[in-house]
Amino acid sequence: MKNVFEIHLLGEVCEVNPRGTNELRPDTPVTFVPMSAVDEITGSVVNAEVRTYGEVSKGYTPFRENDILFAKITPCMENGKCAIAKGLKNGQ
């Protein structure tokens, strides 16, 4: 039987933490998702907040539509909290 699986590095099949210039104005509304808003059962975002880009542009990790949200802290790894960012205000 032929092996149908190939091994690839993660960076070969997706972008990991892509950085780029963000042209949003500080007063632009964007989606803010605290980890408490991620449901560990359904893997969905519930009760996301809307804040201005200026409020969250420093000190928080930026994400965009269809990104995987996963906090690199032990409790989130233990309880499997992750979600796909969908329906974001201004795509962010």
C-alpha atoms as a PDB file:
ATOM      1  CA  MET A   1       0.000   0.000   0.000  1.00  0.00           C
ATOM      2  CA  LYS A   2       1.369   3.399  -1.014  1.00  0.00           C
ATOM      3  CA  ASN A   3       1.705   6.100   1.643  1.00  0.00           C
ATOM      4  CA  VAL A   4      -0.573   8.987   0.639  1.00  0.00           C
ATOM      5  CA  PHE A   5       0.646  11.387   3.326  1.00  0.00           C
ATOM      6  CA  GLU A   6       3.407  13.887   2.794  1.00  0.00           C
ATOM      7  CA  ILE A   7       5.208  15.755   5.528  1.00  0.00           C
ATOM      8  CA  HIS A   8       5.541  19.520   5.178  1.00  0.00           C
ATOM      9  CA  LEU A   9       6.672  22.286   7.451  1.00  0.00           C
ATOM     10  CA  LEU A  10       3.814  24.410   8.730  1.00  0.00           C
ATOM     11  CA  GLY A  11       5.261  27.509   7.033  1.00  0.00           C
ATOM     12  CA  GLU A  12       5.085  25.705   3.682  1.00  0.00           C
ATOM     13  CA  VAL A  13       1.300  25.339   3.810  1.00  0.00           C
ATOM     14  CA  CYS A  14       0.195  28.494   5.641  1.00  0.00           C
ATOM     15  CA  GLU A  15       1.359  31.859   6.920  1.00  0.00           C
ATOM     16  CA  VAL A  16       2.351  31.844  10.584  1.00  0.00           C
ATOM     17  CA  ASN A  17       1.898  35.206  12.320  1.00  0.00           C
ATOM     18  CA  PRO A  18       2.049  37.240   9.099  1.00  0.00           C
ATOM     19  CA  ARG A  19       3.072  40.814   9.662  1.00  0.00           C
ATOM     20  CA  GLY A  20       2.152  43.619   7.396  1.00  0.00           C
ATOM     21  CA  THR A  21       1.273  47.226   7.359  1.00  0.00           C
ATOM     22  CA  ASN A  22      -2.121  48.061   8.725  1.00  0.00           C
ATOM     23  CA  GLU A  23      -3.725  51.087   7.183  1.00  0.00           C
ATOM     24  CA  LEU A  24      -6.615  51.392   9.635  1.00  0.00           C
ATOM     25  CA  ARG A  25      -7.244  54.741  11.253  1.00  0.00           C
ATOM     26  CA  PRO A  26      -7.165  54.832  15.070  1.00  0.00           C
ATOM     27  CA  ASP A  27     -10.930  55.514  15.205  1.00  0.00           C
ATOM     28  CA  THR A  28     -11.856  52.544  12.978  1.00  0.00           C
ATOM     29  CA  PRO A  29     -14.075  49.991  14.773  1.00  0.00           C
ATOM     30  CA  VAL A  30     -12.581  46.477  14.914  1.00  0.00           C
ATOM     31  CA  THR A  31     -13.497  43.213  16.603  1.00  0.00           C
ATOM     32  CA  PHE A  32     -11.857  42.476  19.963  1.00  0.00           C
ATOM     33  CA  VAL A  33     -12.000  38.886  21.207  1.00  0.00           C
ATOM     34  CA  PRO A  34     -10.906  38.209  24.778  1.00  0.00           C
ATOM     35  CA  MET A  35     -10.281  34.500  25.386  1.00  0.00           C
ATOM     36  CA  SER A  36     -13.325  34.481  27.680  1.00  0.00           C
ATOM     37  CA  ALA A  37     -15.368  35.069  24.507  1.00  0.00           C
ATOM     38  CA  VAL A  38     -14.146  31.816  22.921  1.00  0.00           C
ATOM     39  CA  ASP A  39     -16.349  28.796  23.619  1.00  0.00           C
ATOM     40  CA  GLU A  40     -14.209  25.713  24.236  1.00  0.00           C
ATOM     41  CA  ILE A  41     -17.072  23.357  23.337  1.00  0.00           C
ATOM     42  CA  THR A  42     -18.132  24.804  19.971  1.00  0.00           C
ATOM     43  CA  GLY A  43     -14.840  26.462  19.018  1.00  0.00           C
ATOM     44  CA  SER A  44     -16.700  29.627  18.170  1.00  0.00           C
ATOM     45  CA  VAL A  45     -16.484  33.252  19.223  1.00  0.00           C
ATOM     46  CA  VAL A  46     -19.367  34.333  21.445  1.00  0.00           C
ATOM     47  CA  ASN A  47     -19.883  37.864  22.745  1.00  0.00           C
ATOM     48  CA  ALA A  48     -17.048  39.506  20.824  1.00  0.00           C
ATOM     49  CA  GLU A  49     -16.545  43.191  21.539  1.00  0.00           C
ATOM     50  CA  VAL A  50     -16.127  46.128  19.180  1.00  0.00           C
ATOM     51  CA  ARG A  51     -13.372  48.587  20.043  1.00  0.00           C
ATOM     52  CA  THR A  52     -11.484  51.202  18.082  1.00  0.00           C
ATOM     53  CA  TYR A  53      -8.270  50.172  16.372  1.00  0.00           C
ATOM     54  CA  GLY A  54      -6.410  52.770  18.453  1.00  0.00           C
ATOM     55  CA  GLU A  55      -7.503  51.008  21.672  1.00  0.00           C
ATOM     56  CA  VAL A  56      -6.181  47.603  20.621  1.00  0.00           C
ATOM     57  CA  SER A  57      -3.345  48.350  18.207  1.00  0.00           C
ATOM     58  CA  LYS A  58      -0.710  48.022  20.935  1.00  0.00           C
ATOM     59  CA  GLY A  59      -0.511  45.276  23.525  1.00  0.00           C
ATOM     60  CA  TYR A  60      -2.776  42.793  21.726  1.00  0.00           C
ATOM     61  CA  THR A  61      -2.171  40.298  18.956  1.00  0.00           C
ATOM     62  CA  PRO A  62      -3.745  41.399  15.667  1.00  0.00           C
ATOM     63  CA  PHE A  63      -5.821  38.922  13.673  1.00  0.00           C
ATOM     64  CA  ARG A  64      -7.932  38.941  10.552  1.00  0.00           C
ATOM     65  CA  GLU A  65     -10.893  37.132   9.038  1.00  0.00           C
ATOM     66  CA  ASN A  66     -10.372  33.323   8.919  1.00  0.00           C
ATOM     67  CA  ASP A  67      -7.346  33.376  11.242  1.00  0.00           C
ATOM     68  CA  ILE A  68      -7.145  30.677  13.914  1.00  0.00           C
ATOM     69  CA  LEU A  69      -7.392  32.180  17.395  1.00  0.00           C
ATOM     70  CA  PHE A  70      -5.350  30.263  19.959  1.00  0.00           C
ATOM     71  CA  ALA A  71      -3.868  31.704  23.127  1.00  0.00           C
ATOM     72  CA  LYS A  72      -0.445  30.382  24.041  1.00  0.00           C
ATOM     73  CA  ILE A  73      -1.219  30.140  27.728  1.00  0.00           C
ATOM     74  CA  THR A  74      -1.501  26.887  29.655  1.00  0.00           C
ATOM     75  CA  PRO A  75      -5.221  27.027  30.542  1.00  0.00           C
ATOM     76  CA  CYS A  76      -6.226  27.528  26.902  1.00  0.00           C
ATOM     77  CA  MET A  77      -3.987  24.674  25.803  1.00  0.00           C
ATOM     78  CA  GLU A  78      -5.436  22.419  28.477  1.00  0.00           C
ATOM     79  CA  ASN A  79      -9.079  23.157  27.724  1.00  0.00           C
ATOM     80  CA  GLY A  80      -8.672  23.303  23.933  1.00  0.00           C
ATOM     81  CA  LYS A  81      -9.887  26.886  23.564  1.00  0.00           C
ATOM     82  CA  CYS A  82      -9.484  27.950  19.958  1.00  0.00           C
ATOM     83  CA  ALA A  83     -11.704  29.364  17.234  1.00  0.00           C
ATOM     84  CA  ILE A  84     -11.695  30.612  13.664  1.00  0.00           C
ATOM     85  CA  ALA A  85     -12.211  34.353  13.349  1.00  0.00           C
ATOM     86  CA  LYS A  86     -15.410  34.890  11.354  1.00  0.00           C
ATOM     87  CA  GLY A  87     -17.629  37.910  10.715  1.00  0.00           C
ATOM     88  CA  LEU A  88     -15.155  40.479  12.004  1.00  0.00           C
ATOM     89  CA  LYS A  89     -15.916  44.205  11.959  1.00  0.00           C
ATOM     90  CA  ASN A  90     -13.855  45.676   9.087  1.00  0.00           C
ATOM     91  CA  GLY A  91     -12.251  42.239   8.592  1.00  0.00           C
ATOM     92  CA  GLN A  92     -10.191  42.667  11.764  1.00  0.00           C
END
